[in-house]
Every structure is written in C-alpha cells, then in structure tokens.
Amino acid sequence: MFFATILFCRKGLYHPDDLVVAKRAGVDDLGNDNPVVAAVIICLIVLAYGSYQIYSVN
C-alpha cells in the first residue's frame, strides 16, 4: 500500500515546508497526484487479501 501511495501521490512524500522552498527555488511541477488511482489499488489489494483469507480454508 505504501508503494501505491508513493507512485501516485508524489507531493505527499514531502513536508509542506519543503514544497514551499521548492516552489521558491523554481520547481513548479513535481508531477500530478492521482490519489483516486492509489485508493483503487489499495482497495483491490485489501479485497484480494480478504478473499484469499475466506477461500483458502482447507
């Protein structure tokens, strides 16, 4: 789940003060954040794990 967040929410990796300093230094674009994609992937992982637990009973 952590890696899905890293891939799709790049600005979340940085402290807000660091983002302000970066904007002042001229870095305008850190990439687009797509938290919806990250949330969908995380939900799919949780559902897959849950279904594995339900259906893996011997």
PDB file of N, CA and C in Angstrom:
ATOM      1  N   MET A   1       0.823  -1.185   0.000  1.00  0.00           N
ATOM      2  CA  MET A   1       0.000   0.000   0.000  1.00  0.00           C
ATOM      3  C   MET A   1       0.871   1.254   0.000  1.00  0.00           C
ATOM      4  N   PHE A   2       1.970   1.171   0.717  1.00  0.00           N
ATOM      5  CA  PHE A   2       2.874   2.314   0.769  1.00  0.00           C
ATOM      6  C   PHE A   2       3.423   2.639  -0.617  1.00  0.00           C
ATOM      7  N   PHE A   3       3.781   1.612  -1.384  1.00  0.00           N
ATOM      8  CA  PHE A   3       4.343   1.845  -2.713  1.00  0.00           C
ATOM      9  C   PHE A   3       3.300   2.398  -3.684  1.00  0.00           C
ATOM     10  N   ALA A   4       2.050   1.982  -3.548  1.00  0.00           N
ATOM     11  CA  ALA A   4       0.993   2.559  -4.386  1.00  0.00           C
ATOM     12  C   ALA A   4       0.841   4.043  -4.091  1.00  0.00           C
ATOM     13  N   THR A   5       0.953   4.399  -2.818  1.00  0.00           N
ATOM     14  CA  THR A   5       0.861   5.810  -2.443  1.00  0.00           C
ATOM     15  C   THR A   5       2.047   6.591  -2.988  1.00  0.00           C
ATOM     16  N   ILE A   6       3.237   6.016  -2.908  1.00  0.00           N
ATOM     17  CA  ILE A   6       4.428   6.700  -3.432  1.00  0.00           C
ATOM     18  C   ILE A   6       4.295   6.936  -4.939  1.00  0.00           C
ATOM     19  N   LEU A   7       3.800   5.949  -5.669  1.00  0.00           N
ATOM     20  CA  LEU A   7       3.719   6.067  -7.118  1.00  0.00           C
ATOM     21  C   LEU A   7       2.711   7.107  -7.580  1.00  0.00           C
ATOM     22  N   PHE A   8       1.598   7.239  -6.856  1.00  0.00           N
ATOM     23  CA  PHE A   8       0.511   8.072  -7.355  1.00  0.00           C
ATOM     24  C   PHE A   8       0.267   9.357  -6.561  1.00  0.00           C
ATOM     25  N   CYS A   9       0.967   9.550  -5.434  1.00  0.00           N
ATOM     26  CA  CYS A   9       0.821  10.767  -4.626  1.00  0.00           C
ATOM     27  C   CYS A   9       2.199  11.319  -4.308  1.00  0.00           C
ATOM     28  N   ARG A  10       2.845  11.874  -5.291  1.00  0.00           N
ATOM     29  CA  ARG A  10       4.240  12.303  -5.144  1.00  0.00           C
ATOM     30  C   ARG A  10       4.410  13.451  -4.168  1.00  0.00           C
ATOM     31  N   LYS A  11       3.472  14.369  -4.144  1.00  0.00           N
ATOM     32  CA  LYS A  11       3.607  15.522  -3.254  1.00  0.00           C
ATOM     33  C   LYS A  11       3.431  15.132  -1.793  1.00  0.00           C
ATOM     34  N   GLY A  12       2.823  14.004  -1.536  1.00  0.00           N
ATOM     35  CA  GLY A  12       2.639  13.540  -0.167  1.00  0.00           C
ATOM     36  C   GLY A  12       3.916  13.067   0.484  1.00  0.00           C
ATOM     37  N   LEU A  13       4.963  12.878  -0.300  1.00  0.00           N
ATOM     38  CA  LEU A  13       6.244  12.432   0.244  1.00  0.00           C
ATOM     39  C   LEU A  13       7.019  13.553   0.919  1.00  0.00           C
ATOM     40  N   TYR A  14       6.667  14.781   0.602  1.00  0.00           N
ATOM     41  CA  TYR A  14       7.444  15.919   1.061  1.00  0.00           C
ATOM     42  C   TYR A  14       6.712  16.679   2.155  1.00  0.00           C
ATOM     43  N   HIS A  15       7.472  17.262   3.036  1.00  0.00           N
ATOM     44  CA  HIS A  15       6.910  18.125   4.073  1.00  0.00           C
ATOM     45  C   HIS A  15       6.404  19.400   3.390  1.00  0.00           C
ATOM     46  N   PRO A  16       5.294  19.967   3.853  1.00  0.00           N
ATOM     47  CA  PRO A  16       4.776  21.182   3.205  1.00  0.00           C
ATOM     48  C   PRO A  16       5.792  22.322   3.146  1.00  0.00           C
ATOM     49  N   ASP A  17       6.638  22.446   4.161  1.00  0.00           N
ATOM     50  CA  ASP A  17       7.681  23.485   4.127  1.00  0.00           C
ATOM     51  C   ASP A  17       8.669  23.243   2.992  1.00  0.00           C
ATOM     52  N   ASP A  18       8.997  21.971   2.745  1.00  0.00           N
ATOM     53  CA  ASP A  18       9.903  21.641   1.639  1.00  0.00           C
ATOM     54  C   ASP A  18       9.276  21.985   0.294  1.00  0.00           C
ATOM     55  N   LEU A  19       7.965  21.793   0.178  1.00  0.00           N
ATOM     56  CA  LEU A  19       7.283  22.144  -1.068  1.00  0.00           C
ATOM     57  C   LEU A  19       7.308  23.649  -1.306  1.00  0.00           C
ATOM     58  N   VAL A  20       7.159  24.429  -0.232  1.00  0.00           N
ATOM     59  CA  VAL A  20       7.214  25.884  -0.361  1.00  0.00           C
ATOM     60  C   VAL A  20       8.603  26.316  -0.793  1.00  0.00           C
ATOM     61  N   VAL A  21       9.640  25.733  -0.189  1.00  0.00           N
ATOM     62  CA  VAL A  21      11.022  26.067  -0.555  1.00  0.00           C
ATOM     63  C   VAL A  21      11.291  25.689  -2.008  1.00  0.00           C
ATOM     64  N   ALA A  22      10.787  24.547  -2.429  1.00  0.00           N
ATOM     65  CA  ALA A  22      10.993  24.110  -3.813  1.00  0.00           C
ATOM     66  C   ALA A  22      10.302  25.059  -4.793  1.00  0.00           C
ATOM     67  N   LYS A  23       9.110  25.529  -4.456  1.00  0.00           N
ATOM     68  CA  LYS A  23       8.412  26.469  -5.343  1.00  0.00           C
ATOM     69  C   LYS A  23       9.175  27.781  -5.434  1.00  0.00           C
ATOM     70  N   ARG A  24       9.728  28.216  -4.316  1.00  0.00           N
ATOM     71  CA  ARG A  24      10.517  29.458  -4.329  1.00  0.00           C
ATOM     72  C   ARG A  24      11.796  29.291  -5.137  1.00  0.00           C
ATOM     73  N   ALA A  25      12.327  28.072  -5.165  1.00  0.00           N
ATOM     74  CA  ALA A  25      13.553  27.802  -5.919  1.00  0.00           C
ATOM     75  C   ALA A  25      13.278  27.629  -7.406  1.00  0.00           C
ATOM     76  N   GLY A  26      12.018  27.565  -7.797  1.00  0.00           N
ATOM     77  CA  GLY A  26      11.691  27.480  -9.211  1.00  0.00           C
ATOM     78  C   GLY A  26      11.158  26.149  -9.664  1.00  0.00           C
ATOM     79  N   VAL A  27      11.010  25.193  -8.765  1.00  0.00           N
ATOM     80  CA  VAL A  27      10.442  23.899  -9.137  1.00  0.00           C
ATOM     81  C   VAL A  27       8.930  24.040  -9.087  1.00  0.00           C
ATOM     82  N   ASP A  28       8.309  24.072 -10.256  1.00  0.00           N
ATOM     83  CA  ASP A  28       6.866  24.294 -10.310  1.00  0.00           C
ATOM     84  C   ASP A  28       6.060  23.002 -10.335  1.00  0.00           C
ATOM     85  N   ASP A  29       6.614  21.982 -10.965  1.00  0.00           N
ATOM     86  CA  ASP A  29       5.818  20.778 -11.166  1.00  0.00           C
ATOM     87  C   ASP A  29       6.552  19.564 -10.613  1.00  0.00           C
ATOM     88  N   LEU A  30       5.977  18.940  -9.601  1.00  0.00           N
ATOM     89  CA  LEU A  30       6.529  17.694  -9.067  1.00  0.00           C
ATOM     90  C   LEU A  30       5.821  16.477  -9.646  1.00  0.00           C
ATOM     91  N   GLY A  31       4.948  16.702 -10.580  1.00  0.00           N
ATOM     92  CA  GLY A  31       4.152  15.620 -11.144  1.00  0.00           C
ATOM     93  C   GLY A  31       2.728  15.720 -10.659  1.00  0.00           C
ATOM     94  N   ASN A  32       1.843  15.062 -11.348  1.00  0.00           N
ATOM     95  CA  ASN A  32       0.427  15.088 -10.986  1.00  0.00           C
ATOM     96  C   ASN A  32       0.137  14.037  -9.927  1.00  0.00           C
ATOM     97  N   ASP A  33      -0.639  14.417  -8.938  1.00  0.00           N
ATOM     98  CA  ASP A  33      -1.087  13.463  -7.932  1.00  0.00           C
ATOM     99  C   ASP A  33      -2.363  12.796  -8.413  1.00  0.00           C
ATOM    100  N   ASN A  34      -2.443  11.497  -8.214  1.00  0.00           N
ATOM    101  CA  ASN A  34      -3.639  10.733  -8.562  1.00  0.00           C
ATOM    102  C   ASN A  34      -4.064   9.887  -7.364  1.00  0.00           C
ATOM    103  N   PRO A  35      -4.590  10.519  -6.309  1.00  0.00           N
ATOM    104  CA  PRO A  35      -4.949   9.743  -5.122  1.00  0.00           C
ATOM    105  C   PRO A  35      -6.082   8.757  -5.371  1.00  0.00           C
ATOM    106  N   VAL A  36      -6.912   9.003  -6.375  1.00  0.00           N
ATOM    107  CA  VAL A  36      -8.001   8.067  -6.675  1.00  0.00           C
ATOM    108  C   VAL A  36      -7.431   6.742  -7.176  1.00  0.00           C
ATOM    109  N   VAL A  37      -6.415   6.812  -8.009  1.00  0.00           N
ATOM    110  CA  VAL A  37      -5.789   5.586  -8.520  1.00  0.00           C
ATOM    111  C   VAL A  37      -5.151   4.817  -7.374  1.00  0.00           C
ATOM    112  N   ALA A  38      -4.456   5.525  -6.488  1.00  0.00           N
ATOM    113  CA  ALA A  38      -3.841   4.874  -5.334  1.00  0.00           C
ATOM    114  C   ALA A  38      -4.901   4.231  -4.447  1.00  0.00           C
ATOM    115  N   ALA A  39      -6.017   4.922  -4.220  1.00  0.00           N
ATOM    116  CA  ALA A  39      -7.085   4.379  -3.382  1.00  0.00           C
ATOM    117  C   ALA A  39      -7.697   3.132  -4.008  1.00  0.00           C
ATOM    118  N   VAL A  40      -7.871   3.130  -5.316  1.00  0.00           N
ATOM    119  CA  VAL A  40      -8.427   1.956  -6.005  1.00  0.00           C
ATOM    120  C   VAL A  40      -7.483   0.770  -5.880  1.00  0.00           C
ATOM    121  N   ILE A  41      -6.194   1.000  -6.076  1.00  0.00           N
ATOM    122  CA  ILE A  41      -5.214  -0.087  -5.966  1.00  0.00           C
ATOM    123  C   ILE A  41      -5.189  -0.641  -4.544  1.00  0.00           C
ATOM    124  N   ILE A  42      -5.213   0.246  -3.554  1.00  0.00           N
ATOM    125  CA  ILE A  42      -5.200  -0.200  -2.161  1.00  0.00           C
ATOM    126  C   ILE A  42      -6.457  -1.004  -1.842  1.00  0.00           C
ATOM    127  N   CYS A  43      -7.612  -0.556  -2.319  1.00  0.00           N
ATOM    128  CA  CYS A  43      -8.853  -1.307  -2.097  1.00  0.00           C
ATOM    129  C   CYS A  43      -8.799  -2.674  -2.760  1.00  0.00           C
ATOM    130  N   LEU A  44      -8.245  -2.741  -3.956  1.00  0.00           N
ATOM    131  CA  LEU A  44      -8.112  -4.037  -4.627  1.00  0.00           C
ATOM    132  C   LEU A  44      -7.184  -4.979  -3.853  1.00  0.00           C
ATOM    133  N   ILE A  45      -6.123  -4.440  -3.295  1.00  0.00           N
ATOM    134  CA  ILE A  45      -5.211  -5.265  -2.502  1.00  0.00           C
ATOM    135  C   ILE A  45      -5.927  -5.804  -1.267  1.00  0.00           C
ATOM    136  N   VAL A  46      -6.677  -4.931  -0.576  1.00  0.00           N
ATOM    137  CA  VAL A  46      -7.400  -5.361   0.624  1.00  0.00           C
ATOM    138  C   VAL A  46      -8.467  -6.400   0.269  1.00  0.00           C
ATOM    139  N   LEU A  47      -9.197  -6.193  -0.823  1.00  0.00           N
ATOM    140  CA  LEU A  47     -10.213  -7.167  -1.239  1.00  0.00           C
ATOM    141  C   LEU A  47      -9.598  -8.502  -1.642  1.00  0.00           C
ATOM    142  N   ALA A  48      -8.478  -8.454  -2.345  1.00  0.00           N
ATOM    143  CA  ALA A  48      -7.803  -9.690  -2.745  1.00  0.00           C
ATOM    144  C   ALA A  48      -7.321 -10.458  -1.527  1.00  0.00           C
ATOM    145  N   TYR A  49      -6.754  -9.757  -0.557  1.00  0.00           N
ATOM    146  CA  TYR A  49      -6.287 -10.422   0.656  1.00  0.00           C
ATOM    147  C   TYR A  49      -7.457 -11.004   1.440  1.00  0.00           C
ATOM    148  N   GLY A  50      -8.549 -10.244   1.524  1.00  0.00           N
ATOM    149  CA  GLY A  50      -9.724 -10.744   2.234  1.00  0.00           C
ATOM    150  C   GLY A  50     -10.314 -11.972   1.576  1.00  0.00           C
ATOM    151  N   SER A  51     -10.412 -11.955   0.256  1.00  0.00           N
ATOM    152  CA  SER A  51     -10.949 -13.125  -0.444  1.00  0.00           C
ATOM    153  C   SER A  51     -10.007 -14.316  -0.337  1.00  0.00           C
ATOM    154  N   TYR A  52      -8.721 -14.064  -0.318  1.00  0.00           N
ATOM    155  CA  TYR A  52      -7.755 -15.142  -0.116  1.00  0.00           C
ATOM    156  C   TYR A  52      -7.962 -15.782   1.262  1.00  0.00           C
ATOM    157  N   GLN A  53      -8.178 -14.958   2.277  1.00  0.00           N
ATOM    158  CA  GLN A  53      -8.384 -15.479   3.623  1.00  0.00           C
ATOM    159  C   GLN A  53      -9.686 -16.274   3.725  1.00  0.00           C
ATOM    160  N   ILE A  54     -10.708 -15.831   3.034  1.00  0.00           N
ATOM    161  CA  ILE A  54     -12.001 -16.519   3.098  1.00  0.00           C
ATOM    162  C   ILE A  54     -11.937 -17.844   2.366  1.00  0.00           C
ATOM    163  N   TYR A  55     -11.355 -17.855   1.180  1.00  0.00           N
ATOM    164  CA  TYR A  55     -11.398 -19.047   0.329  1.00  0.00           C
ATOM    165  C   TYR A  55     -10.204 -19.968   0.475  1.00  0.00           C
ATOM    166  N   SER A  56      -9.247 -19.637   1.337  1.00  0.00           N
ATOM    167  CA  SER A  56      -8.078 -20.506   1.500  1.00  0.00           C
ATOM    168  C   SER A  56      -8.234 -21.500   2.632  1.00  0.00           C
ATOM    169  N   VAL A  57      -9.426 -21.578   3.199  1.00  0.00           N
ATOM    170  CA  VAL A  57      -9.663 -22.530   4.284  1.00  0.00           C
ATOM    171  C   VAL A  57      -9.657 -23.928   3.703  1.00  0.00           C
ATOM    172  N   ASN A  58      -8.917 -24.805   4.310  1.00  0.00           N
ATOM    173  CA  ASN A  58      -8.800 -26.180   3.780  1.00  0.00           C
ATOM    174  C   ASN A  58     -10.032 -26.986   4.068  1.00  0.00           C
TER     175      ASN A  58
END
